[in-house]
């Protein structure tokens, strides 16, 4: 899966912001923390959920179950707004 090119990611005042730049059917923006920022950074390349979890485990000191749940929640939200290409 990969982030669609119709969305851009920016860092604004310590928050990660995801904004549609094309006709995506989603009008608004998604704001998130450093975890979402790391997930979106990973999604710039074609990756699997497991690869995202692994990269976050290297970066953050958190239990794998918590990281996996956070990744699944973020991916679900990104799919809902049409931001992912599976």
N, C-alpha and C. Protein backbone atom coordinates (compact mmCIF):
# COMPACT_ATOMS: atom_id res chain seq x y z
N UNK A 1 0.85 -1.17 0.00
CA UNK A 1 0.00 0.00 0.00
C UNK A 1 0.89 1.23 0.00
N UNK A 2 0.30 2.33 -0.44
CA UNK A 2 1.05 3.57 -0.56
C UNK A 2 0.09 4.74 -0.45
N UNK A 3 0.58 5.87 0.03
CA UNK A 3 -0.21 7.08 0.09
C UNK A 3 -0.44 7.59 -1.33
N UNK A 4 -1.68 7.93 -1.65
CA UNK A 4 -1.99 8.44 -2.98
C UNK A 4 -1.33 9.79 -3.20
N UNK A 5 -0.97 10.06 -4.44
CA UNK A 5 -0.28 11.30 -4.76
C UNK A 5 -1.20 12.52 -4.68
N UNK A 6 -2.50 12.30 -4.48
CA UNK A 6 -3.45 13.40 -4.31
C UNK A 6 -3.43 13.98 -2.90
N UNK A 7 -2.55 13.47 -2.06
CA UNK A 7 -2.44 13.94 -0.68
C UNK A 7 -1.00 14.34 -0.40
N UNK A 8 -0.84 15.44 0.35
CA UNK A 8 0.50 15.85 0.77
C UNK A 8 0.59 15.85 2.29
N UNK A 9 1.79 15.64 2.77
CA UNK A 9 2.06 15.59 4.21
C UNK A 9 2.98 16.75 4.55
N UNK A 10 2.61 17.48 5.58
CA UNK A 10 3.43 18.59 6.06
C UNK A 10 3.52 18.53 7.58
N UNK A 11 4.57 19.12 8.10
CA UNK A 11 4.76 19.28 9.53
C UNK A 11 4.47 20.74 9.85
N UNK A 12 3.49 21.00 10.73
CA UNK A 12 3.11 22.36 11.08
C UNK A 12 3.03 22.47 12.60
N UNK A 13 3.89 23.30 13.16
CA UNK A 13 3.92 23.53 14.61
C UNK A 13 3.97 22.22 15.40
N UNK A 14 4.78 21.28 14.97
CA UNK A 14 4.95 20.03 15.69
C UNK A 14 3.87 18.99 15.42
N UNK A 15 2.91 19.33 14.58
CA UNK A 15 1.86 18.38 14.21
C UNK A 15 2.03 17.95 12.76
N UNK A 16 1.64 16.73 12.49
CA UNK A 16 1.63 16.24 11.12
C UNK A 16 0.27 16.57 10.52
N UNK A 17 0.28 17.09 9.30
CA UNK A 17 -0.96 17.46 8.61
C UNK A 17 -0.99 16.77 7.25
N UNK A 18 -2.11 16.13 6.95
CA UNK A 18 -2.34 15.49 5.66
C UNK A 18 -3.45 16.26 4.97
N UNK A 19 -3.16 16.73 3.74
CA UNK A 19 -4.09 17.60 3.03
C UNK A 19 -4.30 17.06 1.61
N UNK A 20 -5.56 16.98 1.16
CA UNK A 20 -5.80 16.59 -0.23
C UNK A 20 -5.47 17.74 -1.17
N UNK A 21 -4.87 17.42 -2.31
CA UNK A 21 -4.54 18.47 -3.28
C UNK A 21 -5.24 18.25 -4.61
N UNK A 22 -6.00 17.18 -4.72
CA UNK A 22 -6.71 16.88 -5.95
C UNK A 22 -8.18 16.65 -5.65
N UNK A 23 -8.88 16.18 -6.62
CA UNK A 23 -10.30 15.85 -6.46
C UNK A 23 -10.40 14.47 -5.84
N UNK A 24 -10.30 14.42 -4.52
CA UNK A 24 -10.23 13.15 -3.80
C UNK A 24 -11.57 12.72 -3.22
N UNK A 25 -12.53 13.61 -3.20
CA UNK A 25 -13.79 13.31 -2.52
C UNK A 25 -13.72 13.61 -1.03
N UNK A 26 -12.56 14.00 -0.55
CA UNK A 26 -12.37 14.35 0.85
C UNK A 26 -11.97 15.81 0.91
N UNK A 27 -12.75 16.60 1.62
CA UNK A 27 -12.38 18.01 1.78
C UNK A 27 -12.15 18.27 3.25
N UNK A 28 -10.96 18.60 3.56
CA UNK A 28 -10.58 18.82 4.95
C UNK A 28 -9.11 18.51 5.11
N UNK A 29 -8.69 18.32 6.35
CA UNK A 29 -7.33 17.90 6.60
C UNK A 29 -7.31 16.98 7.79
N UNK A 30 -6.27 16.18 7.84
CA UNK A 30 -6.07 15.24 8.95
C UNK A 30 -4.87 15.74 9.74
N UNK A 31 -5.07 15.93 11.03
CA UNK A 31 -3.98 16.34 11.91
C UNK A 31 -3.62 15.19 12.82
N UNK A 32 -2.34 15.05 13.09
CA UNK A 32 -1.92 13.95 13.96
C UNK A 32 -0.59 14.22 14.64
N UNK A 33 -0.18 13.26 15.42
CA UNK A 33 1.05 13.36 16.20
C UNK A 33 2.24 12.75 15.45
N UNK A 34 3.34 12.56 16.16
CA UNK A 34 4.55 12.01 15.54
C UNK A 34 4.34 10.58 15.06
N UNK A 35 3.48 9.83 15.72
CA UNK A 35 3.22 8.47 15.27
C UNK A 35 2.56 8.49 13.90
N UNK A 36 1.56 9.32 13.72
CA UNK A 36 0.93 9.43 12.40
C UNK A 36 1.95 9.93 11.38
N UNK A 37 2.78 10.86 11.78
CA UNK A 37 3.82 11.35 10.88
C UNK A 37 4.74 10.24 10.41
N UNK A 38 5.12 9.36 11.32
CA UNK A 38 5.99 8.23 10.95
C UNK A 38 5.26 7.25 10.03
N UNK A 39 3.98 7.04 10.29
CA UNK A 39 3.19 6.15 9.42
C UNK A 39 3.09 6.75 8.03
N UNK A 40 2.78 8.02 7.94
CA UNK A 40 2.66 8.68 6.64
C UNK A 40 4.00 8.72 5.91
N UNK A 41 5.08 8.90 6.64
CA UNK A 41 6.41 8.89 6.04
C UNK A 41 6.68 7.51 5.42
N UNK A 42 6.33 6.46 6.14
CA UNK A 42 6.53 5.10 5.62
C UNK A 42 5.68 4.86 4.38
N UNK A 43 4.50 5.47 4.34
CA UNK A 43 3.57 5.27 3.22
C UNK A 43 3.97 6.04 1.96
N UNK A 44 5.07 6.76 2.00
CA UNK A 44 5.56 7.41 0.78
C UNK A 44 6.11 6.36 -0.18
N UNK A 45 6.48 5.21 0.36
CA UNK A 45 6.93 4.07 -0.44
C UNK A 45 5.85 3.00 -0.38
N UNK A 46 5.93 2.03 -1.25
CA UNK A 46 4.98 0.92 -1.25
C UNK A 46 5.39 -0.04 -0.13
N UNK A 47 4.60 -0.11 0.94
CA UNK A 47 4.95 -0.91 2.11
C UNK A 47 3.77 -1.76 2.57
N UNK A 48 4.07 -2.72 3.42
CA UNK A 48 3.04 -3.53 4.05
C UNK A 48 2.79 -3.01 5.46
N UNK A 49 1.71 -3.45 6.04
CA UNK A 49 1.41 -3.07 7.42
C UNK A 49 2.53 -3.53 8.35
N UNK A 50 3.02 -4.75 8.15
CA UNK A 50 4.10 -5.28 8.99
C UNK A 50 5.37 -4.44 8.88
N UNK A 51 5.67 -3.95 7.68
CA UNK A 51 6.85 -3.11 7.50
C UNK A 51 6.70 -1.78 8.25
N UNK A 52 5.49 -1.24 8.24
CA UNK A 52 5.23 0.00 8.98
C UNK A 52 5.41 -0.24 10.48
N UNK A 53 4.83 -1.33 10.97
CA UNK A 53 4.96 -1.67 12.40
C UNK A 53 6.43 -1.82 12.77
N UNK A 54 7.19 -2.52 11.95
CA UNK A 54 8.62 -2.72 12.23
C UNK A 54 9.38 -1.39 12.30
N UNK A 55 9.08 -0.50 11.36
CA UNK A 55 9.78 0.79 11.37
C UNK A 55 9.42 1.62 12.60
N UNK A 56 8.17 1.52 13.04
CA UNK A 56 7.77 2.27 14.24
C UNK A 56 8.39 1.66 15.51
N UNK A 57 8.51 0.35 15.54
CA UNK A 57 9.13 -0.30 16.70
C UNK A 57 10.59 0.10 16.84
N UNK A 58 11.27 0.36 15.71
CA UNK A 58 12.65 0.82 15.77
C UNK A 58 12.74 2.26 16.26
N UNK A 59 11.71 3.03 16.00
CA UNK A 59 11.74 4.46 16.31
C UNK A 59 11.19 4.80 17.70
N UNK A 60 10.15 4.08 18.13
CA UNK A 60 9.47 4.40 19.38
C UNK A 60 9.61 3.26 20.39
N UNK A 61 9.66 3.62 21.65
CA UNK A 61 9.74 2.64 22.73
C UNK A 61 8.31 2.33 23.19
N UNK A 62 7.70 1.35 22.54
CA UNK A 62 6.32 0.98 22.86
C UNK A 62 6.14 -0.50 22.57
N UNK A 63 5.19 -1.13 23.26
CA UNK A 63 4.92 -2.54 23.01
C UNK A 63 4.38 -2.76 21.58
N UNK A 64 4.73 -3.89 20.98
CA UNK A 64 4.31 -4.18 19.62
C UNK A 64 2.79 -4.16 19.48
N UNK A 65 2.06 -4.65 20.46
CA UNK A 65 0.60 -4.69 20.38
C UNK A 65 0.03 -3.28 20.26
N UNK A 66 0.59 -2.34 21.01
CA UNK A 66 0.13 -0.94 20.98
C UNK A 66 0.46 -0.31 19.63
N UNK A 67 1.67 -0.55 19.15
CA UNK A 67 2.08 0.00 17.85
C UNK A 67 1.20 -0.56 16.75
N UNK A 68 0.99 -1.86 16.75
CA UNK A 68 0.16 -2.50 15.72
C UNK A 68 -1.27 -1.94 15.75
N UNK A 69 -1.82 -1.76 16.94
CA UNK A 69 -3.18 -1.21 17.06
C UNK A 69 -3.23 0.23 16.52
N UNK A 70 -2.20 1.02 16.82
CA UNK A 70 -2.14 2.40 16.32
C UNK A 70 -2.04 2.42 14.80
N UNK A 71 -1.22 1.54 14.23
CA UNK A 71 -1.06 1.47 12.78
C UNK A 71 -2.37 1.05 12.13
N UNK A 72 -3.02 0.05 12.68
CA UNK A 72 -4.30 -0.41 12.11
C UNK A 72 -5.36 0.68 12.16
N UNK A 73 -5.41 1.41 13.25
CA UNK A 73 -6.37 2.51 13.39
C UNK A 73 -6.09 3.61 12.36
N UNK A 74 -4.82 3.97 12.21
CA UNK A 74 -4.45 5.01 11.24
C UNK A 74 -4.75 4.57 9.81
N UNK A 75 -4.39 3.34 9.48
CA UNK A 75 -4.64 2.83 8.12
C UNK A 75 -6.13 2.79 7.82
N UNK A 76 -6.92 2.39 8.80
CA UNK A 76 -8.37 2.36 8.62
C UNK A 76 -8.91 3.76 8.33
N UNK A 77 -8.44 4.75 9.08
CA UNK A 77 -8.89 6.13 8.87
C UNK A 77 -8.44 6.65 7.50
N UNK A 78 -7.22 6.32 7.09
CA UNK A 78 -6.70 6.75 5.79
C UNK A 78 -7.48 6.09 4.64
N UNK A 79 -7.84 4.84 4.82
CA UNK A 79 -8.66 4.16 3.80
C UNK A 79 -10.04 4.82 3.70
N UNK A 80 -10.58 5.18 4.84
CA UNK A 80 -11.93 5.78 4.88
C UNK A 80 -11.99 7.08 4.08
N UNK A 81 -10.91 7.84 4.09
CA UNK A 81 -10.91 9.11 3.33
C UNK A 81 -10.35 8.94 1.92
N UNK A 82 -9.97 7.71 1.59
CA UNK A 82 -9.47 7.46 0.23
C UNK A 82 -8.03 7.88 0.00
N UNK A 83 -7.22 7.89 1.05
CA UNK A 83 -5.84 8.36 0.93
C UNK A 83 -4.86 7.26 0.57
N UNK A 84 -5.29 5.99 0.61
CA UNK A 84 -4.37 4.88 0.35
C UNK A 84 -4.63 4.20 -0.98
N UNK A 85 -3.55 3.78 -1.59
CA UNK A 85 -3.62 2.92 -2.76
C UNK A 85 -3.12 1.55 -2.30
N UNK A 86 -4.02 0.59 -2.24
CA UNK A 86 -3.65 -0.77 -1.77
C UNK A 86 -3.07 -1.61 -2.86
